[in-house]
Every structure is written in structure tokens, then in C-alpha cells.
Amino acid sequence: MSSKSTASPVRKPKKPAKVSLPATDVQQFRLLLKQFLNETDDVGRKWSDAKWGVYAFYDYDGEPIYVGQTNEQLRVRLGRHLTNQRTDAVAMRILDLFEVAEVEIWPAWQYESVNLKEKKAQAYIDAKGTAEGLIDTLPVRI
């Protein structure tokens, strides 16, 4: 005598509707980040459009967990950190994105005309940054 059994098919979980993606907290984060990156100074420059600058990520206790400097647009550099695209800090697990509560940036507008392709540019920046202080503006925080 043989037994007949019908295996019930394993159903694939339904994909979420596109209108519900990404998750609400991700949508909120993206909105705050967009607002932060569009902040302007008193002369109308977007802080995050500065080519040169320093940035800091803080944890929920207000302690700095990563401080970096860049000679590319601050907007691009911060975006790479916060979207977990391969950056040295993320790759080396120095910066855990889930620990980031605040970001602070200091654009260095005075160096916008400096071209790193010039041989003396880095020495110029190093000397000026040490002698005068790289940053001469107040930070912006998210």
C-alpha cells in the first residue's frame, strides 16, 4: 500500500510595497542629512560644498568617535561615511554608523583656491594650517 502525500509549497515572503521603502527611520535620517548638507553660512555658501574641511562624528554621549579632514567636497566625504561606502574608517571598523548621533563640520573656505596638483600645495596647507589654524569658522551640527 502506498501513501500519497502532498507537500505544501514553501511560500516566498512577500516583498514590501515600494511606497513603504526604505524604512521610516531611514527616510527620517535621509531627510535630516539632506537638510544638514544644505545649511548655509551668512554669505549664502553651503557649508558642505566646501572643498577643504574637517568633520567629526559624535556618539550618543557627545563624545567624538571619529574626526577626519578632507580635500574633497565635505558633502561627498560625509556621504561616503554615512552610506557605508568603502572608506578607510568604515573598512577598518573605526566608525560604527549605528553609534553616530551627531556630525559637526568646519569648512576651510580660505583654501578653496589651493590646487593639490601643485607641488607646493600640501606644504602650503600644512604651514598655514599649523600657523593660522585650519579652521576659522564656527561648526555646523546635525
Foldseek 3Di string as FASTA:
>chain_A
DDDDDDDDDDDDDDDDDPVCPPPPVVVVVVVVLVVQQQDADPVGDRQQQFQWWKKFFAFPVRHTQDIDIGNGRNNVVVVCVQVVPDDPCVVVVSDDNVRGDKMKMFHQNVCRPQDPVDPCRVVVQVVCCVPPNRGDDGIGMD
